[in-house]
């Protein structure tokens, strides 16, 4: 009897549990359908959260002197993109939908810079405004450095709407070289003649020296003239695999000129291309001045007189043409003669350029008859130095003629002729 009464109770409990499980499943299914229906009516919204970042900053100047001022400029950017919103039309059976995109802006409320050793003179911003997605806004601060060198880290604080904030330290160098990158420092010095004569070649050497703290590698040296008046006859391009700190290397140099090369300073352009220890390729240009200075060479081209035939006691002009057969200008040319005559014995010629000549004119008188060897001294100046050339002139002075000589000769000829005729007649026989 007891076992027969317990069976209905167990069956009833089993049925209640089964119905409860089915009810829960139905409730979950109904809730899921409601969610799907709500999504179909209101649409799907996908959006990225707005994020404020410091995309870049700049400190001008890079290194501040103690007590000096600088400008710190930061770029504040909104990294968010537009929000995509998908909505279903009124007729759900067609499944038509449209997509809308709206901007997610971020509002900058306060932006401040805390010096942390620097003095912030201006640049705190209040209620900056909204920054759109993908957009940036520049903010500039004026700071003053302390009188002690070092690396300082002023901190930028940005507060946005909604209680979010951003802190960003900015390194500032105050006359401190601990963070300055060490690079090679290539210098070129020359060992060439003080001057090059036009038309001649000059041998010399260029010395490439590394005065920096690190080595330079794969150095290419290209030497070319800046003007066509000179040329480089030696190797134009030189490759140097490595040049360490304090090391130097000599590069042979041959400079070629022509007689038409003008005097003055001509330039050789040396282009250096090399790699630093960090792999950076650097290019620098150096100029090597070359002094072109010609050398004058004076000579006597011709000696004439006016009149051509000089007689004793006659006034005349002695003209000495002096030519410059060199490659440089002869300045301040003047000539002096030592002749046993009266008159002007010094003549000023002036400047004589290469391949030109000039006359030195002497006005003389009362010269006695005879053949003379007259010493002449020619002086000139070139680049502050005086040069002297000595030579000798040949001069012939004819004696003065006698006005009674010709009549006397004629009379003597007549007398002689008369005597001859008289003797001829005396010798004839008388008939």
Protein backbone atom coordinates (compact mmCIF):
# COMPACT_ATOMS: atom_id res chain seq x y z
CA UNK A 1 0.00 0.00 0.00
CA UNK A 2 2.70 2.40 0.79
CA UNK A 3 4.47 1.82 -2.56
CA UNK A 4 1.23 2.27 -4.53
CA UNK A 5 0.62 5.77 -2.98
CA UNK A 6 4.17 7.06 -3.77
CA UNK A 7 4.00 6.60 -7.53
CA UNK A 8 1.50 9.38 -8.34
CA UNK A 9 3.53 11.89 -6.37
CA UNK A 10 6.74 11.11 -8.32
CA UNK A 11 4.95 11.38 -11.64
CA UNK A 12 3.55 14.78 -10.69
CA UNK A 13 6.98 16.10 -9.68
CA UNK A 14 8.52 14.90 -12.91
CA UNK A 15 5.87 16.65 -14.97
CA UNK A 16 6.35 19.94 -13.14
CA UNK A 17 10.11 19.92 -13.77
CA UNK A 18 9.62 19.15 -17.44
CA UNK A 19 7.13 21.98 -17.90
CA UNK A 20 9.46 24.41 -16.12
CA UNK A 21 12.33 23.59 -18.49
CA UNK A 22 10.09 24.05 -21.53
CA UNK A 23 8.84 27.36 -20.17
CA UNK A 24 12.37 28.69 -19.75
CA UNK A 25 13.27 27.72 -23.28
CA UNK A 26 10.19 29.47 -24.59
CA UNK A 27 11.04 32.63 -22.64
CA UNK A 28 14.60 32.66 -23.96
CA UNK A 29 13.34 32.20 -27.52
CA UNK A 30 10.80 34.99 -27.15
CA UNK A 31 13.46 37.34 -25.73
CA UNK A 32 15.81 36.59 -28.62
CA UNK A 33 13.06 37.30 -31.15
CA UNK A 34 12.25 40.59 -29.45
CA UNK A 35 15.93 41.62 -29.65
CA UNK A 36 16.07 40.77 -33.34
CA UNK A 37 12.90 42.70 -33.97
CA UNK A 38 14.31 45.72 -32.15
CA UNK A 39 17.47 45.60 -34.18
CA UNK A 40 15.47 45.46 -37.38
CA UNK A 41 13.48 48.54 -36.38
CA UNK A 42 16.17 50.74 -34.93
CA UNK A 43 19.23 49.75 -37.06
CA UNK A 44 22.81 48.66 -36.33
CA UNK A 45 25.20 51.27 -34.98
CA UNK A 46 28.96 50.77 -35.22
CA UNK A 47 31.34 53.49 -34.05
CA UNK A 48 34.90 53.96 -32.89
CA UNK A 49 35.58 55.71 -29.63
CA UNK A 50 37.16 59.19 -29.95
CA UNK A 51 40.81 59.18 -28.82
CA UNK A 52 43.01 62.21 -28.33
CA UNK A 53 46.73 61.75 -29.05
CA UNK A 54 49.79 63.98 -29.51
CA UNK A 55 50.67 63.24 -33.13
CA UNK A 56 53.81 65.42 -33.16
CA UNK A 57 55.64 68.18 -31.32
CA UNK A 58 58.41 70.66 -32.12
CA UNK A 59 60.75 72.69 -29.92
CA UNK A 60 62.30 75.77 -31.53
CA UNK A 61 65.24 76.17 -31.17
CA UNK A 62 66.30 72.56 -30.72
CA UNK A 63 68.79 73.53 -28.02
CA UNK A 64 67.93 76.40 -25.69
CA UNK A 65 70.61 78.48 -24.06
CA UNK A 66 70.34 78.90 -20.28
CA UNK A 67 67.87 81.68 -19.55
CA UNK A 68 66.70 81.70 -23.18
CA UNK A 69 63.18 81.29 -24.55
CA UNK A 70 61.68 78.69 -26.87
CA UNK A 71 58.41 77.82 -28.56
CA UNK A 72 56.86 74.39 -28.04
CA UNK A 73 54.25 73.46 -30.64
CA UNK A 74 52.16 70.29 -30.29
CA UNK A 75 49.69 68.74 -32.70
CA UNK A 76 46.62 67.36 -30.90
CA UNK A 77 44.78 64.83 -33.08
CA UNK A 78 41.46 62.97 -32.90
CA UNK A 79 42.02 59.37 -34.01
CA UNK A 80 38.30 58.48 -34.18
CA UNK A 81 36.54 57.80 -37.48
CA UNK A 82 32.96 58.46 -38.53
CA UNK A 83 30.25 56.23 -36.94
CA UNK A 84 28.40 53.95 -39.37
CA UNK A 85 24.65 53.63 -38.68
CA UNK A 86 22.51 51.13 -40.63
CA UNK A 87 18.72 51.56 -40.50
CA UNK A 88 15.98 49.28 -41.93
CA UNK A 89 13.14 50.86 -43.88
CA UNK A 90 9.47 50.82 -42.88
CA UNK A 91 8.69 47.69 -44.90
CA UNK A 92 10.54 44.94 -43.10
CA UNK A 93 9.53 42.30 -45.68
CA UNK A 94 11.62 43.99 -48.41
CA UNK A 95 14.71 44.19 -46.22
CA UNK A 96 15.69 47.60 -47.60
CA UNK A 97 18.24 49.52 -45.50
CA UNK A 98 20.28 52.72 -45.65
CA UNK A 99 23.70 53.54 -44.13
CA UNK A 100 24.40 56.85 -42.49
CA UNK A 101 27.76 58.17 -41.21
CA UNK A 102 28.06 60.83 -38.59
CA UNK A 103 31.19 62.46 -37.09
CA UNK A 104 32.33 61.67 -33.61
CA UNK A 105 33.91 64.87 -32.34
CA UNK A 106 35.86 65.27 -29.14
CA UNK A 107 35.64 68.45 -27.12
CA UNK A 108 38.87 69.85 -25.64
CA UNK A 109 38.01 71.72 -22.49
CA UNK A 110 41.39 72.65 -20.94
CA UNK A 111 44.99 72.33 -22.20
CA UNK A 112 47.85 73.31 -19.91
CA UNK A 113 51.62 72.92 -19.90
CA UNK A 114 53.39 72.34 -16.60
CA UNK A 115 57.01 73.49 -16.79
CA UNK A 116 58.70 70.99 -14.44
CA UNK A 117 61.74 73.24 -14.22
CA UNK A 118 60.86 75.52 -17.14
CA UNK A 119 58.87 78.71 -16.81
CA UNK A 120 55.70 78.70 -18.92
CA UNK A 121 55.19 82.30 -19.99
CA UNK A 122 52.11 81.87 -22.17
CA UNK A 123 49.98 79.23 -23.81
CA UNK A 124 47.40 77.85 -21.36
CA UNK A 125 44.16 77.18 -23.28
CA UNK A 126 40.61 77.13 -21.93
CA UNK A 127 37.64 75.69 -23.87
CA UNK A 128 39.62 74.93 -26.99
CA UNK A 129 36.62 73.43 -28.79
CA UNK A 130 35.79 70.34 -30.80
CA UNK A 131 38.21 68.35 -32.88
CA UNK A 132 36.69 66.29 -35.68
CA UNK A 133 37.69 62.72 -36.52
CA UNK A 134 41.08 62.53 -38.21
CA UNK A 135 41.69 66.23 -37.62
CA UNK A 136 44.45 68.01 -35.68
CA UNK A 137 44.79 71.32 -33.92
CA UNK A 138 48.17 73.01 -33.22
CA UNK A 139 48.83 74.49 -29.80
CA UNK A 140 51.89 76.65 -29.06
CA UNK A 141 53.48 77.47 -25.71
CA UNK A 142 56.19 80.00 -24.87
CA UNK A 143 58.65 78.80 -22.24
CA UNK A 144 61.79 80.19 -20.63
CA UNK A 145 64.71 77.95 -19.74
CA UNK A 146 66.39 78.01 -16.34
CA UNK A 147 70.01 79.06 -15.93
CA UNK A 148 71.19 75.50 -15.36
CA UNK A 149 71.89 73.19 -18.28
CA UNK A 150 70.16 69.85 -18.57
CA UNK A 151 67.27 67.91 -20.07
CA UNK A 152 63.83 69.02 -18.82
CA UNK A 153 60.44 67.41 -19.29
CA UNK A 154 57.54 69.85 -19.23
CA UNK A 155 54.25 67.94 -19.13
CA UNK A 156 51.21 68.66 -21.28
CA UNK A 157 47.81 68.08 -19.66
CA UNK A 158 44.72 67.81 -21.85
CA UNK A 159 41.23 67.53 -20.36
CA UNK A 160 38.32 66.47 -22.58
CA UNK A 161 34.58 66.55 -22.11
CA UNK A 162 33.43 63.54 -20.14
CA UNK A 163 36.19 63.61 -17.56
CA UNK A 164 38.92 62.01 -19.64
CA UNK A 165 42.42 63.45 -19.63
CA UNK A 166 45.81 63.01 -21.30
CA UNK A 167 49.31 63.68 -19.96
CA UNK A 168 52.29 63.91 -22.31
CA UNK A 169 55.91 64.78 -21.34
CA UNK A 170 58.00 66.74 -23.85
CA UNK A 171 61.82 66.60 -23.63
CA UNK A 172 63.53 70.00 -23.86
CA UNK A 173 67.31 70.39 -24.20
CA UNK A 174 68.84 73.31 -22.29
CA UNK A 175 72.46 73.54 -23.50
CA UNK A 176 73.09 69.84 -22.95
CA UNK A 177 75.04 67.77 -25.47
CA UNK A 178 74.40 64.37 -23.90
CA UNK A 179 71.54 63.66 -26.33
CA UNK A 180 73.09 65.31 -29.37
CA UNK A 181 73.96 62.78 -32.03
CA UNK A 182 77.68 62.54 -32.72
CA UNK A 183 78.53 62.83 -36.39
CA UNK A 184 81.73 62.99 -38.43
CA UNK A 185 83.08 66.45 -39.22
CA UNK A 186 85.03 66.39 -42.47
CA UNK A 187 87.33 69.30 -43.29
CA UNK A 188 89.46 69.96 -46.38
CA UNK A 189 92.76 71.82 -46.32
CA UNK A 190 95.04 72.47 -49.28
CA UNK A 191 98.76 72.22 -49.85
CA UNK A 192 99.26 73.89 -53.21
CA UNK A 193 101.52 76.72 -54.45
CA UNK A 194 100.60 80.19 -53.29
CA UNK A 195 99.83 81.12 -56.89
CA UNK A 196 99.58 79.44 -60.27
CA UNK A 197 101.01 81.05 -63.41
CA UNK A 198 98.61 81.01 -66.39
CA UNK A 199 99.70 78.44 -68.94
CA UNK A 200 101.43 76.27 -66.36
CA UNK A 201 100.35 73.30 -64.25
CA UNK A 202 100.53 73.21 -60.48
CA UNK A 203 100.95 70.11 -58.34
CA UNK A 204 99.40 70.02 -54.89
CA UNK A 205 97.55 67.96 -52.31
CA UNK A 206 94.13 68.14 -50.69
CA UNK A 207 94.02 66.84 -47.12
CA UNK A 208 90.70 65.40 -45.96
CA UNK A 209 90.50 65.23 -42.17
CA UNK A 210 87.80 63.96 -39.82
CA UNK A 211 87.52 66.31 -36.84
CA UNK A 212 84.31 64.67 -35.57
CA UNK A 213 83.64 62.11 -32.86
CA UNK A 214 82.57 59.21 -35.10
CA UNK A 215 83.88 57.60 -38.25
CA UNK A 216 82.75 58.39 -41.78
CA UNK A 217 82.51 55.54 -44.27
CA UNK A 218 82.04 55.11 -48.02
CA UNK A 219 83.35 58.61 -48.69
CA UNK A 220 83.11 59.89 -52.26
CA UNK A 221 85.15 63.01 -53.08
CA UNK A 222 84.28 64.76 -56.35
CA UNK A 223 86.58 67.63 -57.40
CA UNK A 224 85.46 69.97 -60.18
CA UNK A 225 86.33 73.56 -61.19
CA UNK A 226 83.71 76.23 -60.63
CA UNK A 227 84.73 78.05 -63.84
CA UNK A 228 86.12 76.87 -67.20
CA UNK A 229 89.31 78.94 -66.86
CA UNK A 230 91.01 76.13 -64.91
CA UNK A 231 90.74 72.35 -65.00
CA UNK A 232 91.73 69.38 -62.87
CA UNK A 233 94.19 67.10 -64.60
CA UNK A 234 94.39 64.58 -61.75
CA UNK A 235 91.81 62.03 -60.64
CA UNK A 236 88.45 63.74 -60.27
CA UNK A 237 86.54 61.20 -58.13
CA UNK A 238 88.16 59.52 -55.13
CA UNK A 239 86.67 56.77 -52.95
CA UNK A 240 87.68 56.36 -49.30
CA UNK A 241 86.23 53.35 -47.48
CA UNK A 242 86.57 54.69 -43.93
CA UNK A 243 87.98 57.71 -42.10
CA UNK A 244 87.99 57.49 -38.32
CA UNK A 245 87.98 60.35 -35.81
CA UNK A 246 91.21 62.33 -35.98
CA UNK A 247 92.37 60.56 -39.14
CA UNK A 248 93.25 62.22 -42.44
CA UNK A 249 94.02 61.19 -45.99
CA UNK A 250 95.90 62.98 -48.79
CA UNK A 251 94.41 63.36 -52.27
CA UNK A 252 96.86 64.28 -55.09
CA UNK A 253 95.79 67.31 -57.11
CA UNK A 254 97.01 68.67 -60.45
CA UNK A 255 95.65 72.04 -61.60
CA UNK A 256 95.90 72.91 -65.28
CA UNK A 257 95.65 76.42 -66.73
CA UNK A 258 96.06 78.18 -70.07
CA UNK A 259 97.70 81.48 -71.02
CA UNK A 260 94.22 82.97 -71.31
CA UNK A 261 93.32 82.15 -67.72
CA UNK A 262 92.60 85.51 -66.07
CA UNK A 263 94.36 86.59 -62.94
CA UNK A 264 92.42 86.40 -59.69
CA UNK A 265 90.85 83.72 -57.49
CA UNK A 266 89.44 80.61 -59.13
CA UNK A 267 87.49 78.04 -57.13
CA UNK A 268 87.58 74.27 -57.00
CA UNK A 269 84.35 72.70 -55.74
CA UNK A 270 84.78 69.57 -53.61
CA UNK A 271 81.59 67.58 -53.04
CA UNK A 272 81.74 65.07 -50.18
CA UNK A 273 79.20 62.27 -49.82
CA UNK A 274 79.58 59.87 -46.93
CA UNK A 275 77.73 57.66 -44.48
CA UNK A 276 77.58 58.18 -40.71
CA UNK A 277 77.77 55.48 -38.06
CA UNK A 278 73.97 55.46 -37.93
CA UNK A 279 73.67 54.85 -41.66
CA UNK A 280 72.63 58.38 -42.57
CA UNK A 281 73.93 59.63 -45.91
CA UNK A 282 75.31 63.17 -45.66
CA UNK A 283 76.47 65.51 -48.41
CA UNK A 284 78.58 68.61 -47.97
CA UNK A 285 80.29 71.01 -50.37
CA UNK A 286 83.66 72.65 -49.77
CA UNK A 287 85.34 75.33 -51.90
CA UNK A 288 89.09 75.43 -52.41
CA UNK A 289 90.40 78.82 -53.64
CA UNK A 290 93.25 78.82 -56.17
CA UNK A 291 95.12 82.05 -56.81
CA UNK A 292 95.95 82.66 -60.46
CA UNK A 293 98.78 85.15 -60.77
CA UNK A 294 100.67 85.78 -64.00
CA UNK A 295 104.31 86.78 -64.28
CA UNK A 296 105.17 89.78 -66.46
CA UNK A 297 108.23 89.66 -68.71
CA UNK A 298 109.40 92.91 -70.29
CA UNK A 299 111.64 93.28 -73.34
CA UNK A 300 112.62 96.04 -75.77
CA UNK A 301 110.74 95.48 -79.00
CA UNK A 302 112.12 98.39 -81.11
CA UNK A 303 114.15 101.61 -80.90
CA UNK A 304 113.40 104.50 -83.31
CA UNK A 305 114.12 108.20 -83.51
CA UNK A 306 112.48 111.27 -84.96
CA UNK A 307 114.04 112.35 -87.27
CA UNK A 308 115.43 109.06 -88.48
CA UNK A 309 118.90 110.52 -89.22
CA UNK A 310 120.29 112.42 -86.24
CA UNK A 311 123.00 114.98 -86.79
CA UNK A 312 125.29 116.54 -84.26
CA UNK A 313 123.57 119.23 -82.15
CA UNK A 314 120.14 118.44 -83.62
CA UNK A 315 117.14 118.04 -81.20
CA UNK A 316 115.44 114.66 -81.59
CA UNK A 317 113.06 112.16 -79.94
CA UNK A 318 114.25 108.70 -78.94
CA UNK A 319 111.34 106.18 -78.88
CA UNK A 320 111.82 102.86 -77.08
CA UNK A 321 108.90 100.38 -77.39
CA UNK A 322 108.67 98.07 -74.37
CA UNK A 323 106.59 94.88 -74.76
CA UNK A 324 105.21 92.48 -72.16
CA UNK A 325 105.73 88.90 -73.29
CA UNK A 326 104.65 87.40 -69.94
CA UNK A 327 101.28 86.35 -68.50
CA UNK A 328 100.79 89.03 -65.87
CA UNK A 329 100.21 92.76 -65.88
CA UNK A 330 103.28 95.01 -65.59
CA UNK A 331 102.19 98.04 -63.58
CA UNK A 332 103.89 101.39 -63.21
CA UNK A 333 106.40 100.81 -66.00
CA UNK A 334 108.99 103.57 -66.34
CA UNK A 335 112.39 103.81 -68.08
CA UNK A 336 115.56 105.82 -67.39
CA UNK A 337 118.52 106.27 -69.78
CA UNK A 338 122.06 107.41 -69.07
CA UNK A 339 123.09 109.36 -72.20
CA UNK A 340 125.70 112.16 -72.59
CA UNK A 341 123.09 114.53 -73.94
CA UNK A 342 120.71 117.09 -72.61
CA UNK A 343 116.97 116.61 -72.38
CA UNK A 344 114.35 114.35 -70.73
CA UNK A 345 116.04 111.13 -69.70
CA UNK A 346 113.12 109.49 -67.83
CA UNK A 347 109.85 108.34 -69.36
CA UNK A 348 106.70 106.93 -67.70
CA UNK A 349 104.82 104.20 -69.62
CA UNK A 350 102.22 102.97 -67.13
CA UNK A 351 100.48 99.59 -67.24
CA UNK A 352 101.38 97.07 -69.95
CA UNK A 353 99.12 94.04 -70.22
CA UNK A 354 100.29 90.65 -71.50
CA UNK A 355 101.02 90.54 -75.25
CA UNK A 356 100.97 94.35 -75.47
CA UNK A 357 103.61 97.08 -75.65
CA UNK A 358 104.00 100.72 -74.77
CA UNK A 359 106.33 103.57 -75.85
CA UNK A 360 108.92 105.24 -73.66
CA UNK A 361 109.68 108.60 -75.33
CA UNK A 362 112.80 110.65 -74.50
CA UNK A 363 113.24 114.23 -75.79
CA UNK A 364 116.99 114.92 -76.30
CA UNK A 365 119.19 117.67 -77.81
CA UNK A 366 122.81 118.88 -78.30
CA UNK A 367 124.16 115.40 -78.85
CA UNK A 368 127.80 115.31 -80.03
CA UNK A 369 128.67 113.19 -83.04
CA UNK A 370 129.68 109.60 -82.46
CA UNK A 371 128.46 106.06 -81.81
CA UNK A 372 126.98 105.51 -78.34
CA UNK A 373 125.95 102.53 -76.19
CA UNK A 374 123.30 104.03 -73.90
CA UNK A 375 122.34 102.07 -70.74
CA UNK A 376 118.57 101.88 -70.05
CA UNK A 377 116.92 100.75 -66.82
CA UNK A 378 113.25 99.67 -66.87
CA UNK A 379 111.29 99.42 -63.62
CA UNK A 380 107.87 97.82 -63.07
CA UNK A 381 105.64 96.70 -60.21
CA UNK A 382 103.62 93.47 -59.89
CA UNK A 383 101.56 92.47 -56.85
CA UNK A 384 103.45 94.83 -54.58
CA UNK A 385 106.92 93.81 -55.70
CA UNK A 386 109.18 96.00 -57.84
CA UNK A 387 111.23 94.48 -60.65
CA UNK A 388 114.17 96.05 -62.54
CA UNK A 389 115.44 95.19 -66.01
CA UNK A 390 118.68 96.56 -67.51
CA UNK A 391 119.52 96.76 -71.21
CA UNK A 392 121.61 98.80 -73.67
CA UNK A 393 120.60 100.98 -76.65
CA UNK A 394 122.77 101.69 -79.71
CA UNK A 395 122.69 105.29 -81.01
CA UNK A 396 124.65 106.96 -83.84
CA UNK A 397 125.02 110.75 -84.10
CA UNK A 398 126.29 111.96 -87.50
CA UNK A 399 128.75 114.89 -87.60
CA UNK A 400 127.43 118.24 -88.71
CA UNK A 401 128.13 119.08 -92.49
CA UNK A 402 130.56 122.19 -93.70
CA UNK A 403 128.64 124.63 -96.03
CA UNK A 404 131.95 125.86 -97.84
CA UNK A 405 133.11 122.34 -98.65
CA UNK A 406 131.10 121.87 -101.85
CA UNK A 407 132.01 125.24 -103.46
CA UNK A 408 135.68 124.64 -102.64
CA UNK A 409 135.55 121.25 -104.33
CA UNK A 410 133.95 122.77 -107.39
CA UNK A 411 136.63 125.51 -107.62
CA UNK A 412 139.40 122.96 -107.23
CA UNK A 413 137.83 120.86 -109.97
CA UNK A 414 137.72 123.88 -112.30
CA UNK A 415 141.33 124.83 -111.55
CA UNK A 416 142.42 121.30 -112.12
CA UNK A 417 140.58 121.11 -115.41
CA UNK A 418 142.16 124.40 -116.60
CA UNK A 419 145.65 123.19 -115.84
CA UNK A 420 145.07 119.99 -117.73
CA UNK A 421 143.76 121.88 -120.77
CA UNK A 422 146.66 124.30 -120.69
CA UNK A 423 149.26 121.55 -120.67
CA UNK A 424 147.49 119.74 -123.49
CA UNK A 425 147.69 122.81 -125.69
CA UNK A 426 151.34 123.45 -124.87
CA UNK A 427 152.21 119.99 -125.97
CA UNK A 428 150.65 120.36 -129.43
CA UNK A 429 153.22 121.26 -132.24
CA UNK A 430 153.06 124.70 -133.84
CA UNK A 431 152.24 124.75 -137.57
